[in-house]
Amino acid sequence: MYETPEQYLEIVKREVRKLEDICHCRIFDGENNFCPRCGEYGTWDIETKGFVDEYGNSIYYSTVYYEWRCRICDIRRCN
């Protein structure tokens, strides 16, 4: 069963804090950066699940794979 939108946001908040601690930087929704998984350039989508069309290559947290991914990871089927 999938998590509710509220549960997803709680998970993402926790994962953002972890990633910020690791990279010693701040992460903001809509900010451009590189995907932690594949290194492709994209836009952080920390409020939805990677479906903001204006972001192009959205970088989002996947609760299926339990990792940060981007649309390019999905296209390449990186598992």
C-alpha atoms as a PDB file:
ATOM      1  CA  MET A   1       0.000   0.000   0.000  1.00  0.00           C
ATOM      2  CA  TYR A   2       1.240   3.469  -0.829  1.00  0.00           C
ATOM      3  CA  GLU A   3       1.745   6.230   1.687  1.00  0.00           C
ATOM      4  CA  THR A   4      -0.607   9.199   1.925  1.00  0.00           C
ATOM      5  CA  PRO A   5       0.561  12.593   0.619  1.00  0.00           C
ATOM      6  CA  GLU A   6       1.108  13.675   4.221  1.00  0.00           C
ATOM      7  CA  GLN A   7       3.199  10.591   4.982  1.00  0.00           C
ATOM      8  CA  TYR A   8       5.217  11.146   1.804  1.00  0.00           C
ATOM      9  CA  LEU A   9       6.035  14.733   2.831  1.00  0.00           C
ATOM     10  CA  GLU A  10       7.217  13.531   6.246  1.00  0.00           C
ATOM     11  CA  ILE A  11       9.465  10.929   4.623  1.00  0.00           C
ATOM     12  CA  VAL A  12      10.875  13.501   2.197  1.00  0.00           C
ATOM     13  CA  LYS A  13      11.535  16.040   4.966  1.00  0.00           C
ATOM     14  CA  ARG A  14      13.525  13.403   6.841  1.00  0.00           C
ATOM     15  CA  GLU A  15      15.461  12.387   3.707  1.00  0.00           C
ATOM     16  CA  VAL A  16      16.188  16.030   2.791  1.00  0.00           C
ATOM     17  CA  ARG A  17      17.711  16.573   6.247  1.00  0.00           C
ATOM     18  CA  LYS A  18      19.879  13.469   5.817  1.00  0.00           C
ATOM     19  CA  LEU A  19      21.071  14.566   2.372  1.00  0.00           C
ATOM     20  CA  GLU A  20      21.755  18.109   3.595  1.00  0.00           C
ATOM     21  CA  ASP A  21      23.884  16.701   6.422  1.00  0.00           C
ATOM     22  CA  ILE A  22      25.839  14.548   3.979  1.00  0.00           C
ATOM     23  CA  CYS A  23      26.459  17.253   1.376  1.00  0.00           C
ATOM     24  CA  HIS A  24      26.767  20.154   3.861  1.00  0.00           C
ATOM     25  CA  CYS A  25      24.377  22.254   1.794  1.00  0.00           C
ATOM     26  CA  ARG A  26      20.736  23.328   1.746  1.00  0.00           C
ATOM     27  CA  ILE A  27      18.200  21.828  -0.657  1.00  0.00           C
ATOM     28  CA  PHE A  28      15.180  23.795  -1.826  1.00  0.00           C
ATOM     29  CA  ASP A  29      12.214  22.800  -3.957  1.00  0.00           C
ATOM     30  CA  GLY A  30      12.631  24.123  -7.504  1.00  0.00           C
ATOM     31  CA  GLU A  31      16.398  24.569  -7.175  1.00  0.00           C
ATOM     32  CA  ASN A  32      18.653  23.175  -9.903  1.00  0.00           C
ATOM     33  CA  ASN A  33      21.345  20.661  -9.033  1.00  0.00           C
ATOM     34  CA  PHE A  34      22.599  17.182  -9.888  1.00  0.00           C
ATOM     35  CA  CYS A  35      20.840  13.889  -9.176  1.00  0.00           C
ATOM     36  CA  PRO A  36      22.586  12.111  -6.287  1.00  0.00           C
ATOM     37  CA  ARG A  37      22.008   8.770  -8.008  1.00  0.00           C
ATOM     38  CA  CYS A  38      23.071   9.287 -11.635  1.00  0.00           C
ATOM     39  CA  GLY A  39      24.644  12.763 -11.676  1.00  0.00           C
ATOM     40  CA  GLU A  40      22.335  14.197 -14.357  1.00  0.00           C
ATOM     41  CA  TYR A  41      21.333  17.851 -14.072  1.00  0.00           C
ATOM     42  CA  GLY A  42      17.806  18.428 -12.801  1.00  0.00           C
ATOM     43  CA  THR A  43      15.514  20.314 -10.444  1.00  0.00           C
ATOM     44  CA  TRP A  44      14.737  19.311  -6.857  1.00  0.00           C
ATOM     45  CA  ASP A  45      11.109  18.297  -6.450  1.00  0.00           C
ATOM     46  CA  ILE A  46      10.702  17.842  -2.726  1.00  0.00           C
ATOM     47  CA  GLU A  47       6.990  18.625  -2.606  1.00  0.00           C
ATOM     48  CA  THR A  48       5.656  16.064  -5.098  1.00  0.00           C
ATOM     49  CA  LYS A  49       6.838  12.772  -6.548  1.00  0.00           C
ATOM     50  CA  GLY A  50       8.645  14.071  -9.625  1.00  0.00           C
ATOM     51  CA  PHE A  51       5.628  15.110 -11.654  1.00  0.00           C
ATOM     52  CA  VAL A  52       6.158  18.873 -12.042  1.00  0.00           C
ATOM     53  CA  ASP A  53       6.416  19.294 -15.820  1.00  0.00           C
ATOM     54  CA  GLU A  54       8.024  22.730 -15.569  1.00  0.00           C
ATOM     55  CA  TYR A  55      10.966  21.155 -13.719  1.00  0.00           C
ATOM     56  CA  GLY A  56      11.971  19.027 -16.686  1.00  0.00           C
ATOM     57  CA  ASN A  57      14.254  16.437 -15.097  1.00  0.00           C
ATOM     58  CA  SER A  58      12.771  16.358 -11.597  1.00  0.00           C
ATOM     59  CA  ILE A  59      14.926  15.007  -8.767  1.00  0.00           C
ATOM     60  CA  TYR A  60      12.632  13.377  -6.225  1.00  0.00           C
ATOM     61  CA  TYR A  61      12.666  10.860  -3.393  1.00  0.00           C
ATOM     62  CA  SER A  62      11.374   7.435  -4.427  1.00  0.00           C
ATOM     63  CA  THR A  63       9.610   5.453  -1.730  1.00  0.00           C
ATOM     64  CA  VAL A  64       9.702   2.472  -4.092  1.00  0.00           C
ATOM     65  CA  TYR A  65      13.518   2.379  -4.274  1.00  0.00           C
ATOM     66  CA  TYR A  66      14.166   4.301  -1.008  1.00  0.00           C
ATOM     67  CA  GLU A  67      16.564   6.720  -2.704  1.00  0.00           C
ATOM     68  CA  TRP A  68      16.833  10.035  -4.499  1.00  0.00           C
ATOM     69  CA  ARG A  69      16.246   9.607  -8.235  1.00  0.00           C
ATOM     70  CA  CYS A  70      15.394  11.684 -11.269  1.00  0.00           C
ATOM     71  CA  ARG A  71      13.271  11.189 -14.358  1.00  0.00           C
ATOM     72  CA  ILE A  72      16.373  10.192 -16.315  1.00  0.00           C
ATOM     73  CA  CYS A  73      17.003   7.399 -13.783  1.00  0.00           C
ATOM     74  CA  ASP A  74      13.436   6.257 -14.449  1.00  0.00           C
ATOM     75  CA  ILE A  75      13.855   6.403 -18.233  1.00  0.00           C
ATOM     76  CA  ARG A  76      17.096   4.426 -18.022  1.00  0.00           C
ATOM     77  CA  ARG A  77      15.405   2.055 -15.571  1.00  0.00           C
ATOM     78  CA  CYS A  78      18.260   2.395 -13.089  1.00  0.00           C
ATOM     79  CA  ASN A  79      17.530  -0.059 -10.285  1.00  0.00           C
END
